[in-house]
Amino acid sequence: MMYRILPYYLIIILSTSCVTATKIAAPETDNQSSKNSTPSTATDTKSIYEETGISEERLRRIDQICKDAVVSGDIPGVVALISRKGKTVYHKAYGYADEDGRVLKKDDIFRIASQTKAITSTAVMMLWEEGHFRLDDPIAKYIPEFENPTLLNTFNDADSSFTTKPAEQKITIRHLLSHTSGLGYGQIDGDPRFKKIYAKAGVTDLYTT
């Protein structure tokens, strides 16, 4: 399967106990077909809705919200997925994937930037619950390159040269989860010194890392 990176489109992922929305259903857009919607299982859709406690009528309201957002130009495309009790009860795509008008597909891949934090943190805590590591384990235990962390000591603004000093403690998994590791963001870092250090190293923007 070809993987597509789509930076600017909205993904909605909901794991719900109930579905609530405010708009009324309307006819589907031209690029939405029956084969592009879920559920698609051997069990009929009515029993899936009953089994999961999801309102089919309220799911139709989500249809309208997504269509309205595309038609109004608020977003070029949207993929919506709703899962409950281990079953996918709604999975549809609306709108377009690019400026050339390619129809958006349910399996298109999106760049979701900082939204990866919640997904990654959840996976990490699941592994922690299973006893695979301790939160205060140094990350060098798993990534040896972090064995001897250093801190910025001096910085020469004229040529972006710098010196470092040893850190007093090692970076831990807890630090990563709480955003207190001290690792900078390069080009979007709030400290101009780190922007220049990254630029000198050839890291010119966030996506080159």
N, C-alpha and C. Protein backbone atom coordinates (compact mmCIF):
# COMPACT_ATOMS: atom_id res chain seq x y z
N MET A 1 0.85 -1.19 0.00
CA MET A 1 0.00 0.00 0.00
C MET A 1 0.88 1.24 0.00
N MET A 2 0.55 2.20 -0.82
CA MET A 2 1.32 3.43 -0.86
C MET A 2 0.90 4.32 0.31
N TYR A 3 1.88 4.83 1.04
CA TYR A 3 1.61 5.68 2.18
C TYR A 3 1.63 7.13 1.74
N ARG A 4 0.62 7.86 2.14
CA ARG A 4 0.51 9.25 1.75
C ARG A 4 0.54 10.12 2.99
N ILE A 5 1.34 11.18 2.97
CA ILE A 5 1.44 12.12 4.08
C ILE A 5 0.60 13.32 3.74
N LEU A 6 -0.43 13.58 4.48
CA LEU A 6 -1.34 14.69 4.22
C LEU A 6 -1.31 15.64 5.41
N PRO A 7 -0.65 16.79 5.29
CA PRO A 7 -0.37 17.59 6.46
C PRO A 7 -1.51 18.42 7.00
N TYR A 8 -2.52 18.72 6.21
CA TYR A 8 -3.41 19.79 6.63
C TYR A 8 -4.86 19.37 6.86
N TYR A 9 -5.14 18.08 6.92
CA TYR A 9 -6.53 17.66 7.01
C TYR A 9 -6.86 17.08 8.38
N LEU A 10 -8.12 17.08 8.68
CA LEU A 10 -8.58 16.77 10.03
C LEU A 10 -8.94 15.31 10.17
N ILE A 11 -8.44 14.69 11.24
CA ILE A 11 -8.87 13.34 11.61
C ILE A 11 -9.68 13.44 12.88
N ILE A 12 -10.82 12.79 12.92
CA ILE A 12 -11.60 12.70 14.14
C ILE A 12 -11.57 11.24 14.58
N ILE A 13 -11.09 10.99 15.79
CA ILE A 13 -11.09 9.64 16.35
C ILE A 13 -11.82 9.70 17.68
N LEU A 14 -12.91 8.99 17.78
CA LEU A 14 -13.72 9.06 18.99
C LEU A 14 -13.92 7.66 19.56
N SER A 15 -13.71 7.51 20.85
CA SER A 15 -14.09 6.30 21.54
C SER A 15 -15.11 6.73 22.58
N THR A 16 -16.37 6.39 22.34
CA THR A 16 -17.45 7.08 23.04
C THR A 16 -18.32 6.15 23.85
N SER A 17 -18.95 6.73 24.86
CA SER A 17 -20.01 6.04 25.57
C SER A 17 -21.36 6.43 25.01
N CYS A 18 -21.42 7.56 24.34
CA CYS A 18 -22.62 7.98 23.64
C CYS A 18 -22.20 8.94 22.54
N VAL A 19 -23.03 9.11 21.54
CA VAL A 19 -22.74 10.02 20.45
C VAL A 19 -23.70 11.18 20.50
N THR A 20 -23.20 12.38 20.66
CA THR A 20 -24.06 13.55 20.69
C THR A 20 -23.59 14.53 19.65
N ALA A 21 -24.54 15.14 18.93
CA ALA A 21 -24.24 16.15 17.93
C ALA A 21 -25.47 17.03 17.78
N THR A 22 -25.33 18.13 17.05
CA THR A 22 -26.40 19.10 17.05
C THR A 22 -27.01 19.36 15.69
N LYS A 23 -26.38 18.90 14.59
CA LYS A 23 -26.90 19.23 13.27
C LYS A 23 -27.76 18.11 12.72
N ILE A 24 -28.58 18.43 11.72
CA ILE A 24 -29.52 17.49 11.13
C ILE A 24 -28.90 16.86 9.90
N ALA A 25 -29.26 15.61 9.63
CA ALA A 25 -28.66 14.88 8.52
C ALA A 25 -29.09 15.46 7.18
N ALA A 26 -28.23 15.26 6.15
CA ALA A 26 -28.51 15.74 4.80
C ALA A 26 -27.94 14.73 3.82
N PRO A 27 -28.26 14.84 2.54
CA PRO A 27 -27.73 13.89 1.55
C PRO A 27 -26.21 13.86 1.57
N GLU A 28 -25.63 12.69 1.29
CA GLU A 28 -24.18 12.54 1.30
C GLU A 28 -23.56 13.23 0.11
N THR A 29 -22.29 13.62 0.25
CA THR A 29 -21.58 14.25 -0.84
C THR A 29 -21.27 13.25 -1.93
N ASP A 30 -20.91 13.74 -3.11
CA ASP A 30 -20.70 12.87 -4.26
C ASP A 30 -19.61 11.85 -4.05
N ASN A 31 -18.58 12.25 -3.27
CA ASN A 31 -17.44 11.35 -3.11
C ASN A 31 -17.61 10.38 -1.96
N GLN A 32 -18.81 10.31 -1.38
CA GLN A 32 -19.07 9.38 -0.29
C GLN A 32 -19.95 8.26 -0.81
N SER A 33 -19.47 7.03 -0.77
CA SER A 33 -20.24 5.90 -1.25
C SER A 33 -20.42 4.89 -0.14
N SER A 34 -21.31 3.94 -0.36
CA SER A 34 -21.60 2.95 0.67
C SER A 34 -20.38 2.10 0.99
N LYS A 35 -19.49 1.90 0.01
CA LYS A 35 -18.31 1.08 0.28
C LYS A 35 -17.30 1.82 1.14
N ASN A 36 -17.52 3.11 1.33
CA ASN A 36 -16.57 3.92 2.08
C ASN A 36 -16.98 4.11 3.53
N SER A 37 -17.96 3.34 3.97
CA SER A 37 -18.43 3.52 5.34
C SER A 37 -18.33 2.21 6.09
N THR A 38 -18.30 2.33 7.40
CA THR A 38 -18.20 1.19 8.30
C THR A 38 -19.39 1.29 9.24
N PRO A 39 -20.00 0.25 9.76
CA PRO A 39 -19.42 -1.09 9.89
C PRO A 39 -19.54 -1.93 8.63
N SER A 40 -18.56 -2.82 8.45
CA SER A 40 -18.60 -3.80 7.37
C SER A 40 -18.17 -5.14 7.97
N THR A 41 -19.08 -5.80 8.64
CA THR A 41 -18.78 -7.08 9.27
C THR A 41 -19.88 -8.06 8.90
N ALA A 42 -19.68 -9.30 9.31
CA ALA A 42 -20.70 -10.31 9.02
C ALA A 42 -21.97 -10.04 9.82
N THR A 43 -21.83 -9.32 10.93
CA THR A 43 -22.99 -8.99 11.75
C THR A 43 -23.71 -7.82 11.12
N ASP A 44 -25.07 -7.85 11.08
CA ASP A 44 -25.78 -6.74 10.46
C ASP A 44 -25.61 -5.49 11.31
N THR A 45 -25.78 -4.31 10.65
CA THR A 45 -25.50 -3.05 11.32
C THR A 45 -26.40 -2.80 12.51
N LYS A 46 -27.64 -3.23 12.43
CA LYS A 46 -28.56 -2.99 13.55
C LYS A 46 -28.04 -3.65 14.82
N SER A 47 -27.58 -4.88 14.73
CA SER A 47 -27.10 -5.57 15.93
C SER A 47 -25.80 -4.94 16.43
N ILE A 48 -24.99 -4.38 15.54
CA ILE A 48 -23.78 -3.70 15.97
C ILE A 48 -24.14 -2.47 16.79
N TYR A 49 -25.10 -1.70 16.32
CA TYR A 49 -25.52 -0.51 17.06
C TYR A 49 -26.11 -0.90 18.41
N GLU A 50 -26.91 -1.95 18.43
CA GLU A 50 -27.51 -2.40 19.69
C GLU A 50 -26.44 -2.91 20.65
N GLU A 51 -25.48 -3.63 20.11
CA GLU A 51 -24.45 -4.23 20.95
C GLU A 51 -23.54 -3.16 21.56
N THR A 52 -23.29 -2.10 20.82
CA THR A 52 -22.38 -1.07 21.30
C THR A 52 -23.09 0.08 22.00
N GLY A 53 -24.40 0.14 21.89
CA GLY A 53 -25.14 1.23 22.52
C GLY A 53 -24.97 2.56 21.81
N ILE A 54 -24.72 2.51 20.49
CA ILE A 54 -24.55 3.72 19.70
C ILE A 54 -25.83 4.01 18.92
N SER A 55 -26.22 5.26 18.88
CA SER A 55 -27.43 5.66 18.17
C SER A 55 -27.14 5.85 16.69
N GLU A 56 -27.81 5.08 15.85
CA GLU A 56 -27.62 5.21 14.41
C GLU A 56 -28.08 6.58 13.92
N GLU A 57 -29.15 7.08 14.50
CA GLU A 57 -29.67 8.39 14.09
C GLU A 57 -28.68 9.49 14.41
N ARG A 58 -28.01 9.39 15.54
CA ARG A 58 -27.04 10.42 15.91
C ARG A 58 -25.76 10.31 15.08
N LEU A 59 -25.45 9.10 14.63
CA LEU A 59 -24.32 8.96 13.72
C LEU A 59 -24.59 9.71 12.42
N ARG A 60 -25.85 9.72 11.98
CA ARG A 60 -26.20 10.46 10.77
C ARG A 60 -25.99 11.95 10.96
N ARG A 61 -26.11 12.44 12.18
CA ARG A 61 -25.84 13.85 12.44
C ARG A 61 -24.35 14.15 12.23
N ILE A 62 -23.50 13.19 12.61
CA ILE A 62 -22.06 13.38 12.38
C ILE A 62 -21.78 13.44 10.89
N ASP A 63 -22.50 12.64 10.09
CA ASP A 63 -22.39 12.75 8.65
C ASP A 63 -22.57 14.19 8.20
N GLN A 64 -23.63 14.82 8.70
CA GLN A 64 -23.95 16.16 8.27
C GLN A 64 -22.91 17.18 8.72
N ILE A 65 -22.42 17.02 9.94
CA ILE A 65 -21.38 17.94 10.43
C ILE A 65 -20.15 17.87 9.54
N CYS A 66 -19.73 16.66 9.17
CA CYS A 66 -18.55 16.51 8.32
C CYS A 66 -18.78 17.09 6.94
N LYS A 67 -19.95 16.81 6.37
CA LYS A 67 -20.27 17.34 5.04
C LYS A 67 -20.30 18.86 5.05
N ASP A 68 -20.95 19.43 6.07
CA ASP A 68 -21.05 20.89 6.16
C ASP A 68 -19.67 21.52 6.24
N ALA A 69 -18.78 20.90 7.00
CA ALA A 69 -17.43 21.45 7.17
C ALA A 69 -16.67 21.47 5.85
N VAL A 70 -16.89 20.44 5.02
CA VAL A 70 -16.22 20.38 3.72
C VAL A 70 -16.86 21.36 2.74
N VAL A 71 -18.19 21.35 2.66
CA VAL A 71 -18.90 22.22 1.71
C VAL A 71 -18.66 23.69 2.01
N SER A 72 -18.60 24.04 3.28
CA SER A 72 -18.40 25.44 3.67
C SER A 72 -16.96 25.90 3.47
N GLY A 73 -16.05 24.96 3.23
CA GLY A 73 -14.65 25.31 3.04
C GLY A 73 -13.85 25.42 4.32
N ASP A 74 -14.46 25.04 5.45
CA ASP A 74 -13.72 25.09 6.72
C ASP A 74 -12.53 24.12 6.69
N ILE A 75 -12.73 22.96 6.08
CA ILE A 75 -11.65 21.97 5.92
C ILE A 75 -11.79 21.36 4.53
N PRO A 76 -10.68 20.96 3.91
CA PRO A 76 -10.78 20.33 2.58
C PRO A 76 -11.25 18.88 2.64
N GLY A 77 -10.99 18.22 3.76
CA GLY A 77 -11.38 16.82 3.88
C GLY A 77 -11.35 16.36 5.31
N VAL A 78 -12.05 15.27 5.59
CA VAL A 78 -12.09 14.75 6.96
C VAL A 78 -12.31 13.24 6.92
N VAL A 79 -11.60 12.55 7.81
CA VAL A 79 -11.86 11.13 8.05
C VAL A 79 -12.37 11.02 9.48
N ALA A 80 -13.51 10.38 9.67
CA ALA A 80 -14.10 10.24 11.00
C ALA A 80 -14.22 8.76 11.35
N LEU A 81 -13.80 8.43 12.56
CA LEU A 81 -13.88 7.05 13.03
C LEU A 81 -14.41 7.04 14.46
N ILE A 82 -15.39 6.18 14.71
CA ILE A 82 -15.93 6.02 16.06
C ILE A 82 -15.87 4.54 16.43
N SER A 83 -15.26 4.26 17.58
CA SER A 83 -15.13 2.88 18.04
C SER A 83 -15.65 2.79 19.46
N ARG A 84 -16.37 1.72 19.75
CA ARG A 84 -16.84 1.48 21.11
C ARG A 84 -16.92 -0.02 21.37
N LYS A 85 -16.48 -0.41 22.56
CA LYS A 85 -16.51 -1.81 22.98
C LYS A 85 -15.77 -2.70 21.98
N GLY A 86 -14.66 -2.18 21.46
CA GLY A 86 -13.83 -2.96 20.57
C GLY A 86 -14.34 -3.10 19.15
N LYS A 87 -15.40 -2.37 18.80
CA LYS A 87 -15.97 -2.46 17.46
C LYS A 87 -15.98 -1.08 16.80
N THR A 88 -15.65 -1.06 15.53
CA THR A 88 -15.75 0.17 14.76
C THR A 88 -17.17 0.29 14.24
N VAL A 89 -17.88 1.32 14.69
CA VAL A 89 -19.27 1.49 14.30
C VAL A 89 -19.44 2.59 13.25
N TYR A 90 -18.39 3.36 13.02
CA TYR A 90 -18.50 4.45 12.04
C TYR A 90 -17.10 4.74 11.51
N HIS A 91 -16.97 4.75 10.19
CA HIS A 91 -15.67 5.07 9.59
C HIS A 91 -15.93 5.56 8.16
N LYS A 92 -15.82 6.87 7.96
CA LYS A 92 -16.11 7.46 6.66
C LYS A 92 -15.11 8.54 6.32
N ALA A 93 -14.99 8.80 5.03
CA ALA A 93 -14.12 9.87 4.54
C ALA A 93 -14.94 10.84 3.70
N TYR A 94 -14.62 12.11 3.82
CA TYR A 94 -15.31 13.15 3.07
C TYR A 94 -14.28 14.11 2.48
N GLY A 95 -14.62 14.72 1.35
CA GLY A 95 -13.80 15.77 0.79
C GLY A 95 -12.62 15.26 -0.01
N TYR A 96 -11.56 16.07 -0.02
CA TYR A 96 -10.46 15.83 -0.95
C TYR A 96 -9.12 15.82 -0.23
N ALA A 97 -8.17 15.07 -0.81
CA ALA A 97 -6.88 14.87 -0.18
C ALA A 97 -5.84 15.89 -0.61
N ASP A 98 -6.06 16.54 -1.74
CA ASP A 98 -5.08 17.51 -2.22
C ASP A 98 -5.74 18.54 -3.11
N GLU A 99 -4.95 19.51 -3.56
CA GLU A 99 -5.47 20.59 -4.37
C GLU A 99 -5.90 20.14 -5.76
N ASP A 100 -5.45 18.96 -6.17
CA ASP A 100 -5.83 18.43 -7.48
C ASP A 100 -7.19 17.74 -7.43
N GLY A 101 -7.78 17.65 -6.26
CA GLY A 101 -9.12 17.08 -6.14
C GLY A 101 -9.18 15.58 -5.99
N ARG A 102 -8.07 14.96 -5.56
CA ARG A 102 -8.14 13.53 -5.30
C ARG A 102 -9.04 13.25 -4.12
N VAL A 103 -9.95 12.33 -4.31
CA VAL A 103 -10.91 12.00 -3.26
C VAL A 103 -10.18 11.43 -2.05
N LEU A 104 -10.51 11.94 -0.88
CA LEU A 104 -9.90 11.47 0.36
C LEU A 104 -10.34 10.04 0.66
N LYS A 105 -9.39 9.20 1.09
CA LYS A 105 -9.68 7.82 1.41
C LYS A 105 -9.57 7.58 2.91
N LYS A 106 -10.26 6.56 3.37
CA LYS A 106 -10.25 6.27 4.80
C LYS A 106 -8.87 5.86 5.30
N ASP A 107 -8.03 5.30 4.43
CA ASP A 107 -6.72 4.83 4.87
C ASP A 107 -5.61 5.81 4.51
N ASP A 108 -5.95 7.05 4.11
CA ASP A 108 -4.92 8.06 3.89
C ASP A 108 -4.22 8.36 5.21
N ILE A 109 -2.94 8.72 5.12
CA ILE A 109 -2.14 8.97 6.31
C ILE A 109 -1.98 10.46 6.51
N PHE A 110 -2.17 10.92 7.74
CA PHE A 110 -2.14 12.33 8.08
C PHE A 110 -0.93 12.65 8.96
N ARG A 111 -0.37 13.81 8.77
CA ARG A 111 0.62 14.32 9.71
C ARG A 111 -0.16 14.99 10.84
N ILE A 112 -0.08 14.47 12.05
CA ILE A 112 -0.90 14.99 13.14
C ILE A 112 -0.08 15.72 14.22
N ALA A 113 1.20 15.95 13.93
CA ALA A 113 2.04 16.80 14.78
C ALA A 113 1.93 16.41 16.25
N SER A 114 1.62 17.37 17.12
CA SER A 114 1.64 17.12 18.56
C SER A 114 0.55 16.16 19.03
N GLN A 115 -0.42 15.85 18.18
CA GLN A 115 -1.43 14.89 18.59
C GLN A 115 -0.85 13.49 18.77
N THR A 116 0.39 13.29 18.28
CA THR A 116 1.04 12.00 18.52
C THR A 116 1.38 11.81 19.99
N LYS A 117 1.49 12.91 20.73
CA LYS A 117 1.88 12.81 22.14
C LYS A 117 0.90 11.97 22.94
N ALA A 118 -0.38 12.22 22.74
CA ALA A 118 -1.39 11.47 23.50
C ALA A 118 -1.36 9.99 23.15
N ILE A 119 -1.20 9.68 21.87
CA ILE A 119 -1.17 8.28 21.43
C ILE A 119 0.06 7.58 21.98
N THR A 120 1.22 8.24 21.85
CA THR A 120 2.47 7.64 22.33
C THR A 120 2.46 7.47 23.85
N SER A 121 1.99 8.49 24.56
CA SER A 121 1.96 8.42 26.02
C SER A 121 1.05 7.30 26.50
N THR A 122 -0.08 7.12 25.82
CA THR A 122 -0.99 6.03 26.19
C THR A 122 -0.31 4.67 26.00
N ALA A 123 0.38 4.50 24.88
CA ALA A 123 1.08 3.24 24.62
C ALA A 123 2.18 3.00 25.67
N VAL A 124 2.91 4.06 26.02
CA VAL A 124 3.96 3.94 27.04
C VAL A 124 3.38 3.51 28.38
N MET A 125 2.27 4.13 28.79
CA MET A 125 1.69 3.80 30.08
C MET A 125 1.09 2.39 30.10
N MET A 126 0.63 1.92 28.95
CA MET A 126 0.17 0.53 28.87
C MET A 126 1.33 -0.43 29.12
N LEU A 127 2.49 -0.11 28.54
CA LEU A 127 3.67 -0.95 28.77
C LEU A 127 4.13 -0.86 30.22
N TRP A 128 4.01 0.35 30.80
CA TRP A 128 4.38 0.53 32.21
C TRP A 128 3.47 -0.32 33.11
N GLU A 129 2.16 -0.31 32.82
CA GLU A 129 1.22 -1.11 33.61
C GLU A 129 1.56 -2.60 33.55
N GLU A 130 2.13 -3.03 32.43
CA GLU A 130 2.49 -4.44 32.27
C GLU A 130 3.85 -4.76 32.90
N GLY A 131 4.49 -3.72 33.46
CA GLY A 131 5.74 -3.95 34.18
C GLY A 131 6.99 -4.03 33.34
N HIS A 132 6.95 -3.47 32.14
CA HIS A 132 8.12 -3.57 31.26
C HIS A 132 9.23 -2.59 31.63
N PHE A 133 8.93 -1.56 32.38
CA PHE A 133 9.95 -0.58 32.78
C PHE A 133 9.43 0.22 33.96
N ARG A 134 10.32 1.01 34.56
CA ARG A 134 9.94 1.94 35.61
C ARG A 134 9.97 3.36 35.05
N LEU A 135 9.12 4.21 35.57
CA LEU A 135 9.05 5.58 35.06
C LEU A 135 10.36 6.33 35.27
N ASP A 136 11.11 5.97 36.31
CA ASP A 136 12.36 6.66 36.58
C ASP A 136 13.58 5.95 35.99
N ASP A 137 13.32 4.99 35.09
CA ASP A 137 14.43 4.40 34.33
C ASP A 137 15.07 5.46 33.45
N PRO A 138 16.40 5.53 33.40
CA PRO A 138 17.04 6.46 32.46
C PRO A 138 16.81 5.98 31.03
N ILE A 139 16.57 6.91 30.12
CA ILE A 139 16.32 6.49 28.74
C ILE A 139 17.57 5.90 28.10
N ALA A 140 18.74 6.16 28.71
CA ALA A 140 19.99 5.56 28.21
C ALA A 140 19.96 4.04 28.33
N LYS A 141 19.10 3.53 29.17
CA LYS A 141 18.96 2.08 29.30
C LYS A 141 18.45 1.48 27.99
N TYR A 142 17.73 2.26 27.23
CA TYR A 142 17.14 1.80 25.98
C TYR A 142 17.75 2.48 24.76
N ILE A 143 18.28 3.71 24.95
CA ILE A 143 18.95 4.44 23.87
C ILE A 143 20.31 4.86 24.40
N PRO A 144 21.35 4.06 24.18
CA PRO A 144 22.66 4.30 24.80
C PRO A 144 23.26 5.67 24.50
N GLU A 145 22.86 6.30 23.40
CA GLU A 145 23.41 7.61 23.04
C GLU A 145 23.11 8.68 24.08
N PHE A 146 22.16 8.44 24.96
CA PHE A 146 21.81 9.39 26.01
C PHE A 146 22.51 9.09 27.34
N GLU A 147 23.53 8.27 27.30
CA GLU A 147 24.20 7.85 28.53
C GLU A 147 24.86 9.02 29.26
N ASN A 148 25.43 9.96 28.54
CA ASN A 148 26.13 11.08 29.16
C ASN A 148 25.54 12.41 28.67
N PRO A 149 24.39 12.80 29.18
CA PRO A 149 23.75 14.04 28.73
C PRO A 149 24.54 15.27 29.17
N THR A 150 24.51 16.31 28.34
CA THR A 150 25.21 17.55 28.66
C THR A 150 24.25 18.72 28.56
N LEU A 151 24.63 19.82 29.19
CA LEU A 151 23.84 21.04 29.16
C LEU A 151 24.62 22.14 28.44
N LEU A 152 23.91 23.06 27.83
CA LEU A 152 24.55 24.19 27.19
C LEU A 152 25.21 25.05 28.26
N ASN A 153 26.49 25.36 28.08
CA ASN A 153 27.23 26.14 29.06
C ASN A 153 27.49 27.55 28.56
N THR A 154 28.18 27.68 27.44
CA THR A 154 28.41 29.00 26.85
C THR A 154 28.03 28.96 25.37
N PHE A 155 27.71 30.13 24.83
CA PHE A 155 27.30 30.22 23.43
C PHE A 155 27.88 31.49 22.82
N ASN A 156 28.51 31.36 21.65
CA ASN A 156 29.07 32.49 20.93
C ASN A 156 28.12 32.89 19.81
N ASP A 157 27.48 34.05 19.96
CA ASP A 157 26.48 34.46 18.99
C ASP A 157 27.08 34.74 17.62
N ALA A 158 28.37 35.05 17.57
CA ALA A 158 29.00 35.42 16.30
C ALA A 158 29.09 34.25 15.33
N ASP A 159 29.40 33.07 15.83
CA ASP A 159 29.57 31.92 14.94
C ASP A 159 28.78 30.69 15.39
N SER A 160 27.94 30.85 16.39
CA SER A 160 27.09 29.77 16.92
C SER A 160 27.88 28.63 17.53
N SER A 161 29.14 28.87 17.86
CA SER A 161 29.90 27.85 18.58
C SER A 161 29.45 27.84 20.04
N PHE A 162 29.66 26.73 20.72
CA PHE A 162 29.17 26.61 22.09
C PHE A 162 29.98 25.58 22.86
N THR A 163 29.88 25.65 24.17
CA THR A 163 30.47 24.64 25.04
C THR A 163 29.37 24.04 25.90
N THR A 164 29.65 22.86 26.41
CA THR A 164 28.66 22.18 27.25
C THR A 164 29.29 21.77 28.57
N LYS A 165 28.44 21.38 29.50
CA LYS A 165 28.89 20.83 30.78
C LYS A 165 28.03 19.62 31.11
N PRO A 166 28.54 18.69 31.89
CA PRO A 166 27.77 17.49 32.21
C PRO A 166 26.49 17.82 32.98
N ALA A 167 25.42 17.13 32.64
CA ALA A 167 24.17 17.29 33.37
C ALA A 167 24.27 16.61 34.73
N GLU A 168 23.55 17.14 35.70
CA GLU A 168 23.61 16.57 37.05
C GLU A 168 22.81 15.29 37.17
N GLN A 169 21.87 15.07 36.27
CA GLN A 169 21.09 13.83 36.31
C GLN A 169 20.77 13.38 34.89
N LYS A 170 20.44 12.11 34.78
CA LYS A 170 20.12 11.56 33.47
C LYS A 170 18.64 11.76 33.15
N ILE A 171 18.36 11.80 31.87
CA ILE A 171 16.97 11.94 31.42
C ILE A 171 16.25 10.62 31.63
N THR A 172 15.07 10.69 32.22
CA THR A 172 14.28 9.49 32.48
C THR A 172 13.02 9.46 31.63
N ILE A 173 12.36 8.33 31.64
CA ILE A 173 11.09 8.20 30.93
C ILE A 173 10.07 9.17 31.52
N ARG A 174 10.11 9.37 32.83
CA ARG A 174 9.20 10.32 33.47
C ARG A 174 9.43 11.73 32.91
N HIS A 175 10.69 12.10 32.70
CA HIS A 175 10.99 13.40 32.13
C HIS A 175 10.36 13.56 30.75
N LEU A 176 10.46 12.51 29.93
CA LEU A 176 9.90 12.58 28.59
C LEU A 176 8.38 12.74 28.64
N LEU A 177 7.74 11.99 29.51
CA LEU A 177 6.28 12.05 29.60
C LEU A 177 5.78 13.39 30.14
N SER A 178 6.58 14.04 30.95
CA SER A 178 6.16 15.31 31.55
C SER A 178 6.80 16.53 30.87
N HIS A 179 7.44 16.31 29.74
CA HIS A 179 8.05 17.40 28.96
C HIS A 179 9.07 18.17 29.79
N THR A 180 9.85 17.48 30.57
CA THR A 180 10.87 18.13 31.39
C THR A 180 12.25 17.55 31.13
N SER A 181 12.46 17.01 29.94
CA SER A 181 13.73 16.37 29.61
C SER A 181 14.82 17.39 29.28
N GLY A 182 14.43 18.60 28.90
CA GLY A 182 15.41 19.60 28.51
C GLY A 182 15.80 19.54 27.05
N LEU A 183 15.25 18.60 26.31
CA LEU A 183 15.54 18.51 24.88
C LEU A 183 14.81 19.62 24.14
N GLY A 184 15.53 20.32 23.28
CA GLY A 184 14.95 21.45 22.56
C GLY A 184 14.20 21.04 21.31
N TYR A 185 13.50 22.00 20.73
CA TYR A 185 12.71 21.77 19.53
C TYR A 185 13.36 22.37 18.28
N GLY A 186 14.62 22.74 18.37
CA GLY A 186 15.30 23.22 17.19
C GLY A 186 14.72 24.51 16.64
N GLN A 187 14.24 24.48 15.40
CA GLN A 187 13.80 25.68 14.71
C GLN A 187 12.63 26.36 15.40
N ILE A 188 11.78 25.61 16.10
CA ILE A 188 10.64 26.23 16.77
C ILE A 188 10.89 26.38 18.27
N ASP A 189 12.14 26.22 18.68
CA ASP A 189 12.48 26.36 20.09
C ASP A 189 12.36 27.82 20.51
N GLY A 190 11.90 28.05 21.73
CA GLY A 190 11.77 29.41 22.23
C GLY A 190 13.10 30.08 22.53
N ASP A 191 14.17 29.30 22.64
CA ASP A 191 15.50 29.85 22.94
C ASP A 191 16.24 30.09 21.62
N PRO A 192 16.55 31.34 21.26
CA PRO A 192 17.21 31.62 19.97
C PRO A 192 18.57 30.95 19.83
N ARG A 193 19.23 30.65 20.95
CA ARG A 193 20.53 29.98 20.87
C ARG A 193 20.39 28.60 20.26
N PHE A 194 19.34 27.89 20.66
CA PHE A 194 19.16 26.54 20.14
C PHE A 194 18.73 26.58 18.67
N LYS A 195 18.00 27.59 18.27
CA LYS A 195 17.66 27.73 16.86
C LYS A 195 18.93 27.82 16.02
N LYS A 196 19.90 28.63 16.50
CA LYS A 196 21.14 28.80 15.76
C LYS A 196 22.00 27.54 15.79
N ILE A 197 21.99 26.83 16.91
CA ILE A 197 22.74 25.58 17.00
C ILE A 197 22.20 24.55 16.02
N TYR A 198 20.87 24.44 15.96
CA TYR A 198 20.24 23.50 15.03
C TYR A 198 20.53 23.91 13.59
N ALA A 199 20.45 25.22 13.31
CA ALA A 199 20.69 25.70 11.94
C ALA A 199 22.13 25.39 11.51
N LYS A 200 23.08 25.60 12.42
CA LYS A 200 24.49 25.32 12.10
C LYS A 200 24.71 23.84 11.84
N ALA A 201 23.94 23.01 12.53
CA ALA A 201 24.05 21.56 12.33
C ALA A 201 23.31 21.07 11.09
N GLY A 202 22.64 22.00 10.39
CA GLY A 202 21.92 21.62 9.19
C GLY A 202 20.49 21.18 9.41
N VAL A 203 20.01 21.35 10.63
CA VAL A 203 18.61 21.04 10.94
C VAL A 203 17.84 22.35 10.75
N THR A 204 17.22 22.51 9.60
CA THR A 204 16.64 23.81 9.25
C THR A 204 15.18 23.96 9.62
N ASP A 205 14.49 22.86 9.85
CA ASP A 205 13.10 22.96 10.28
C ASP A 205 12.71 21.71 11.02
N LEU A 206 11.51 21.74 11.59
CA LEU A 206 11.05 20.64 12.45
C LEU A 206 11.05 19.30 11.75
N TYR A 207 10.73 19.28 10.43
CA TYR A 207 10.52 18.01 9.74
C TYR A 207 11.81 17.36 9.26
N THR A 208 12.96 18.06 9.39
CA THR A 208 14.21 17.43 8.99
C THR A 208 14.80 16.59 10.10
N THR A 209 14.23 16.65 11.31
CA THR A 209 14.74 15.84 12.41
C THR A 209 14.28 14.41 12.28
